[in-house]
Amino acid sequence: MKNLFTLKNLGWFLTVILTVLVGISALDKVMATEEMLKTFEFLKLTPYMLYIGLGELVGLGLLIYPRTSIYGAVLLSSFMSGAVALHMSLMGGASVMVPVMLGALAWSSHCLRTYTK
């Protein structure tokens, strides 16, 4: 019987979790929901909300495809690093752990899928 509990499968599982979490956030930005609009108005980044959402979706697409997963991990962790910087500087560190964990999840899923058998 084939073992389904491998590190590579754990990497794919983390990729699915990351895709759901970041995908919902990215779609909220693209569709300009009321909550995202209020947040981006507070940060004075409303003109860039669509581009950030599309960039996150592109990063997810790159992360899912195995040959380009490193580029997706770099792109997503870059977006999350920007979110950490904005949360620390403009929001007083409020909810900074979410983007930190999402960036770490992007790299963890890429490394587990790529460098394990």
N, C-alpha and C. Protein backbone atom coordinates (compact mmCIF):
# COMPACT_ATOMS: atom_id res chain seq x y z
N MET A 1 0.84 -1.18 0.00
CA MET A 1 0.00 0.00 0.00
C MET A 1 0.88 1.24 0.00
N LYS A 2 0.51 2.19 -0.81
CA LYS A 2 1.29 3.42 -0.94
C LYS A 2 1.00 4.35 0.23
N ASN A 3 2.07 4.93 0.76
CA ASN A 3 1.94 5.85 1.89
C ASN A 3 1.51 7.23 1.39
N LEU A 4 0.37 7.68 1.87
CA LEU A 4 -0.15 8.99 1.46
C LEU A 4 0.37 10.13 2.34
N PHE A 5 0.94 9.80 3.49
CA PHE A 5 1.42 10.81 4.41
C PHE A 5 2.90 11.08 4.16
N THR A 6 3.17 11.78 3.08
CA THR A 6 4.54 12.13 2.73
C THR A 6 4.72 13.64 2.85
N LEU A 7 5.97 14.08 2.86
CA LEU A 7 6.24 15.51 2.95
C LEU A 7 5.79 16.24 1.69
N LYS A 8 5.89 15.56 0.55
CA LYS A 8 5.44 16.18 -0.70
C LYS A 8 3.93 16.42 -0.67
N ASN A 9 3.18 15.45 -0.17
CA ASN A 9 1.73 15.62 -0.05
C ASN A 9 1.38 16.69 0.98
N LEU A 10 2.19 16.79 2.04
CA LEU A 10 1.99 17.87 3.01
C LEU A 10 2.19 19.22 2.33
N GLY A 11 3.19 19.31 1.45
CA GLY A 11 3.41 20.54 0.70
C GLY A 11 2.22 20.91 -0.17
N TRP A 12 1.63 19.91 -0.82
CA TRP A 12 0.45 20.18 -1.64
C TRP A 12 -0.74 20.59 -0.77
N PHE A 13 -0.86 19.98 0.40
CA PHE A 13 -1.94 20.35 1.32
C PHE A 13 -1.78 21.80 1.77
N LEU A 14 -0.55 22.19 2.10
CA LEU A 14 -0.30 23.58 2.49
C LEU A 14 -0.56 24.54 1.33
N THR A 15 -0.27 24.09 0.11
CA THR A 15 -0.54 24.91 -1.07
C THR A 15 -2.04 25.16 -1.22
N VAL A 16 -2.83 24.14 -0.98
CA VAL A 16 -4.29 24.28 -1.07
C VAL A 16 -4.79 25.26 -0.01
N ILE A 17 -4.29 25.13 1.22
CA ILE A 17 -4.70 26.04 2.29
C ILE A 17 -4.32 27.47 1.93
N LEU A 18 -3.10 27.67 1.46
CA LEU A 18 -2.64 29.00 1.09
C LEU A 18 -3.46 29.57 -0.07
N THR A 19 -3.78 28.72 -1.03
CA THR A 19 -4.56 29.17 -2.18
C THR A 19 -5.94 29.65 -1.74
N VAL A 20 -6.55 28.94 -0.83
CA VAL A 20 -7.88 29.36 -0.35
C VAL A 20 -7.78 30.68 0.41
N LEU A 21 -6.84 30.78 1.33
CA LEU A 21 -6.74 31.98 2.16
C LEU A 21 -6.36 33.22 1.35
N VAL A 22 -5.30 33.11 0.56
CA VAL A 22 -4.85 34.27 -0.22
C VAL A 22 -5.81 34.52 -1.38
N GLY A 23 -6.38 33.46 -1.94
CA GLY A 23 -7.33 33.63 -3.04
C GLY A 23 -8.55 34.42 -2.65
N ILE A 24 -9.09 34.14 -1.47
CA ILE A 24 -10.25 34.89 -0.99
C ILE A 24 -9.88 36.36 -0.80
N SER A 25 -8.72 36.59 -0.19
CA SER A 25 -8.27 37.97 0.02
C SER A 25 -8.03 38.70 -1.30
N ALA A 26 -7.41 38.02 -2.23
CA ALA A 26 -7.13 38.63 -3.54
C ALA A 26 -8.43 38.94 -4.29
N LEU A 27 -9.37 38.03 -4.25
CA LEU A 27 -10.65 38.28 -4.92
C LEU A 27 -11.42 39.42 -4.26
N ASP A 28 -11.31 39.53 -2.93
CA ASP A 28 -11.92 40.67 -2.25
C ASP A 28 -11.31 41.98 -2.73
N LYS A 29 -10.02 41.99 -2.96
CA LYS A 29 -9.36 43.20 -3.45
C LYS A 29 -9.77 43.50 -4.89
N VAL A 30 -9.83 42.48 -5.72
CA VAL A 30 -10.21 42.69 -7.12
C VAL A 30 -11.65 43.16 -7.23
N MET A 31 -12.53 42.58 -6.42
CA MET A 31 -13.94 42.96 -6.47
C MET A 31 -14.24 44.21 -5.64
N ALA A 32 -13.25 44.72 -4.93
CA ALA A 32 -13.37 45.94 -4.12
C ALA A 32 -14.53 45.84 -3.13
N THR A 33 -14.47 44.83 -2.27
CA THR A 33 -15.51 44.70 -1.25
C THR A 33 -15.41 45.86 -0.27
N GLU A 34 -16.46 46.06 0.47
CA GLU A 34 -16.55 47.21 1.38
C GLU A 34 -15.44 47.17 2.44
N GLU A 35 -15.18 46.00 2.98
CA GLU A 35 -14.14 45.88 4.02
C GLU A 35 -12.76 46.21 3.47
N MET A 36 -12.44 45.68 2.30
CA MET A 36 -11.14 45.97 1.69
C MET A 36 -11.04 47.44 1.30
N LEU A 37 -12.13 47.99 0.82
CA LEU A 37 -12.12 49.40 0.45
C LEU A 37 -11.84 50.29 1.65
N LYS A 38 -12.44 49.98 2.80
CA LYS A 38 -12.19 50.76 4.01
C LYS A 38 -10.73 50.63 4.44
N THR A 39 -10.19 49.42 4.38
CA THR A 39 -8.80 49.20 4.78
C THR A 39 -7.85 49.96 3.87
N PHE A 40 -8.07 49.87 2.57
CA PHE A 40 -7.17 50.53 1.63
C PHE A 40 -7.34 52.05 1.65
N GLU A 41 -8.53 52.54 1.98
CA GLU A 41 -8.71 53.98 2.16
C GLU A 41 -7.94 54.47 3.37
N PHE A 42 -7.94 53.68 4.45
CA PHE A 42 -7.18 54.04 5.64
C PHE A 42 -5.68 54.08 5.34
N LEU A 43 -5.23 53.13 4.53
CA LEU A 43 -3.80 53.07 4.17
C LEU A 43 -3.45 54.02 3.04
N LYS A 44 -4.45 54.67 2.46
CA LYS A 44 -4.27 55.57 1.32
C LYS A 44 -3.66 54.85 0.11
N LEU A 45 -4.11 53.63 -0.11
CA LEU A 45 -3.64 52.81 -1.23
C LEU A 45 -4.77 52.37 -2.14
N THR A 46 -5.89 53.06 -2.11
CA THR A 46 -7.05 52.66 -2.89
C THR A 46 -6.76 52.52 -4.39
N PRO A 47 -5.95 53.39 -5.01
CA PRO A 47 -5.71 53.23 -6.45
C PRO A 47 -4.94 51.95 -6.81
N TYR A 48 -4.27 51.37 -5.82
CA TYR A 48 -3.43 50.19 -6.08
C TYR A 48 -4.09 48.87 -5.67
N MET A 49 -5.30 48.94 -5.15
CA MET A 49 -5.95 47.74 -4.64
C MET A 49 -6.14 46.68 -5.72
N LEU A 50 -6.57 47.06 -6.90
CA LEU A 50 -6.78 46.11 -7.99
C LEU A 50 -5.47 45.44 -8.38
N TYR A 51 -4.40 46.24 -8.47
CA TYR A 51 -3.11 45.69 -8.88
C TYR A 51 -2.54 44.74 -7.84
N ILE A 52 -2.74 45.05 -6.57
CA ILE A 52 -2.28 44.16 -5.51
C ILE A 52 -3.05 42.84 -5.55
N GLY A 53 -4.37 42.92 -5.73
CA GLY A 53 -5.17 41.70 -5.83
C GLY A 53 -4.79 40.84 -7.03
N LEU A 54 -4.57 41.48 -8.18
CA LEU A 54 -4.15 40.72 -9.36
C LEU A 54 -2.76 40.13 -9.18
N GLY A 55 -1.87 40.88 -8.53
CA GLY A 55 -0.54 40.36 -8.25
C GLY A 55 -0.57 39.14 -7.35
N GLU A 56 -1.44 39.17 -6.36
CA GLU A 56 -1.59 38.00 -5.49
C GLU A 56 -2.14 36.80 -6.26
N LEU A 57 -3.08 37.03 -7.14
CA LEU A 57 -3.62 35.92 -7.94
C LEU A 57 -2.55 35.35 -8.88
N VAL A 58 -1.74 36.22 -9.47
CA VAL A 58 -0.64 35.75 -10.32
C VAL A 58 0.35 34.94 -9.49
N GLY A 59 0.67 35.42 -8.30
CA GLY A 59 1.57 34.68 -7.42
C GLY A 59 1.03 33.31 -7.05
N LEU A 60 -0.27 33.23 -6.81
CA LEU A 60 -0.87 31.92 -6.52
C LEU A 60 -0.79 30.99 -7.72
N GLY A 61 -1.05 31.54 -8.91
CA GLY A 61 -0.95 30.71 -10.11
C GLY A 61 0.46 30.20 -10.32
N LEU A 62 1.44 31.05 -10.10
CA LEU A 62 2.83 30.62 -10.23
C LEU A 62 3.21 29.60 -9.17
N LEU A 63 2.69 29.76 -7.97
CA LEU A 63 3.01 28.82 -6.89
C LEU A 63 2.41 27.44 -7.14
N ILE A 64 1.24 27.40 -7.70
CA ILE A 64 0.57 26.11 -7.93
C ILE A 64 1.29 25.30 -9.01
N TYR A 65 1.74 25.96 -10.05
CA TYR A 65 2.42 25.26 -11.15
C TYR A 65 3.83 24.88 -10.69
N PRO A 66 4.19 23.59 -10.68
CA PRO A 66 5.47 23.16 -10.08
C PRO A 66 6.72 23.80 -10.68
N ARG A 67 6.76 24.04 -11.98
CA ARG A 67 7.97 24.60 -12.58
C ARG A 67 8.21 26.05 -12.19
N THR A 68 7.17 26.76 -11.83
CA THR A 68 7.32 28.17 -11.49
C THR A 68 7.01 28.45 -10.03
N SER A 69 6.99 27.41 -9.20
CA SER A 69 6.57 27.61 -7.81
C SER A 69 7.52 28.51 -7.04
N ILE A 70 8.80 28.53 -7.38
CA ILE A 70 9.72 29.41 -6.66
C ILE A 70 9.39 30.88 -6.93
N TYR A 71 8.99 31.19 -8.16
CA TYR A 71 8.62 32.56 -8.49
C TYR A 71 7.35 32.97 -7.76
N GLY A 72 6.42 32.05 -7.64
CA GLY A 72 5.20 32.32 -6.88
C GLY A 72 5.50 32.55 -5.41
N ALA A 73 6.42 31.73 -4.85
CA ALA A 73 6.78 31.91 -3.44
C ALA A 73 7.45 33.26 -3.22
N VAL A 74 8.33 33.66 -4.15
CA VAL A 74 8.99 34.96 -4.03
C VAL A 74 7.97 36.09 -4.13
N LEU A 75 7.07 36.00 -5.10
CA LEU A 75 6.08 37.05 -5.30
C LEU A 75 5.14 37.17 -4.11
N LEU A 76 4.63 36.03 -3.63
CA LEU A 76 3.70 36.08 -2.50
C LEU A 76 4.39 36.55 -1.23
N SER A 77 5.62 36.09 -0.99
CA SER A 77 6.30 36.55 0.22
C SER A 77 6.65 38.04 0.12
N SER A 78 6.87 38.53 -1.09
CA SER A 78 7.11 39.97 -1.26
C SER A 78 5.85 40.78 -0.93
N PHE A 79 4.71 40.33 -1.40
CA PHE A 79 3.46 41.00 -1.07
C PHE A 79 3.20 40.96 0.43
N MET A 80 3.47 39.81 1.04
CA MET A 80 3.24 39.68 2.47
C MET A 80 4.22 40.53 3.27
N SER A 81 5.46 40.68 2.79
CA SER A 81 6.42 41.55 3.46
C SER A 81 5.97 43.00 3.40
N GLY A 82 5.42 43.40 2.28
CA GLY A 82 4.86 44.74 2.17
C GLY A 82 3.69 44.94 3.11
N ALA A 83 2.88 43.91 3.25
CA ALA A 83 1.74 44.00 4.18
C ALA A 83 2.23 44.12 5.62
N VAL A 84 3.29 43.38 5.96
CA VAL A 84 3.86 43.48 7.31
C VAL A 84 4.39 44.89 7.55
N ALA A 85 5.09 45.44 6.58
CA ALA A 85 5.64 46.79 6.73
C ALA A 85 4.52 47.82 6.92
N LEU A 86 3.46 47.70 6.15
CA LEU A 86 2.34 48.65 6.29
C LEU A 86 1.62 48.47 7.62
N HIS A 87 1.43 47.24 8.03
CA HIS A 87 0.75 46.99 9.30
C HIS A 87 1.58 47.53 10.46
N MET A 88 2.90 47.39 10.38
CA MET A 88 3.76 47.87 11.46
C MET A 88 3.82 49.39 11.49
N SER A 89 3.92 50.01 10.32
CA SER A 89 4.13 51.45 10.30
C SER A 89 2.84 52.26 10.42
N LEU A 90 1.79 51.84 9.78
CA LEU A 90 0.57 52.64 9.74
C LEU A 90 -0.53 52.15 10.68
N MET A 91 -0.49 50.89 11.05
CA MET A 91 -1.57 50.34 11.87
C MET A 91 -1.09 49.94 13.27
N GLY A 92 0.14 50.30 13.61
CA GLY A 92 0.65 50.02 14.95
C GLY A 92 0.87 48.55 15.23
N GLY A 93 1.12 47.75 14.22
CA GLY A 93 1.38 46.33 14.41
C GLY A 93 0.14 45.46 14.53
N ALA A 94 -1.01 46.02 14.20
CA ALA A 94 -2.25 45.26 14.31
C ALA A 94 -2.29 44.15 13.26
N SER A 95 -2.63 42.97 13.69
CA SER A 95 -2.79 41.77 12.85
C SER A 95 -1.61 41.54 11.91
N VAL A 96 -0.41 41.66 12.45
CA VAL A 96 0.78 41.48 11.63
C VAL A 96 1.13 40.00 11.47
N MET A 97 0.60 39.15 12.32
CA MET A 97 0.94 37.72 12.25
C MET A 97 0.33 37.02 11.04
N VAL A 98 -0.78 37.51 10.55
CA VAL A 98 -1.41 36.86 9.40
C VAL A 98 -0.51 36.92 8.16
N PRO A 99 -0.02 38.10 7.75
CA PRO A 99 0.87 38.09 6.58
C PRO A 99 2.20 37.38 6.82
N VAL A 100 2.69 37.40 8.06
CA VAL A 100 3.92 36.65 8.37
C VAL A 100 3.70 35.16 8.15
N MET A 101 2.59 34.66 8.66
CA MET A 101 2.29 33.23 8.53
C MET A 101 2.01 32.85 7.06
N LEU A 102 1.36 33.72 6.30
CA LEU A 102 1.08 33.42 4.90
C LEU A 102 2.37 33.39 4.08
N GLY A 103 3.30 34.30 4.36
CA GLY A 103 4.58 34.28 3.67
C GLY A 103 5.38 33.02 4.01
N ALA A 104 5.38 32.64 5.27
CA ALA A 104 6.06 31.41 5.68
C ALA A 104 5.39 30.19 5.07
N LEU A 105 4.08 30.22 4.95
CA LEU A 105 3.35 29.11 4.35
C LEU A 105 3.67 28.97 2.87
N ALA A 106 3.86 30.09 2.18
CA ALA A 106 4.23 30.05 0.76
C ALA A 106 5.57 29.35 0.58
N TRP A 107 6.56 29.73 1.38
CA TRP A 107 7.87 29.11 1.26
C TRP A 107 7.85 27.66 1.73
N SER A 108 7.12 27.37 2.78
CA SER A 108 7.04 25.99 3.27
C SER A 108 6.42 25.07 2.23
N SER A 109 5.34 25.52 1.62
CA SER A 109 4.68 24.67 0.62
C SER A 109 5.59 24.46 -0.59
N HIS A 110 6.28 25.51 -1.03
CA HIS A 110 7.19 25.36 -2.17
C HIS A 110 8.33 24.39 -1.84
N CYS A 111 8.96 24.57 -0.70
CA CYS A 111 10.10 23.73 -0.34
C CYS A 111 9.70 22.28 -0.12
N LEU A 112 8.58 22.03 0.52
CA LEU A 112 8.14 20.66 0.74
C LEU A 112 7.80 19.96 -0.57
N ARG A 113 7.20 20.68 -1.49
CA ARG A 113 6.83 20.07 -2.77
C ARG A 113 8.04 19.86 -3.66
N THR A 114 9.03 20.74 -3.59
CA THR A 114 10.14 20.71 -4.54
C THR A 114 11.30 19.85 -4.07
N TYR A 115 11.64 19.93 -2.79
CA TYR A 115 12.88 19.33 -2.32
C TYR A 115 12.70 18.04 -1.54
N THR A 116 11.52 17.45 -1.54
CA THR A 116 11.31 16.16 -0.88
C THR A 116 10.83 15.15 -1.90
N LYS A 117 11.02 13.90 -1.55
CA LYS A 117 10.60 12.81 -2.46
C LYS A 117 9.28 12.24 -2.05
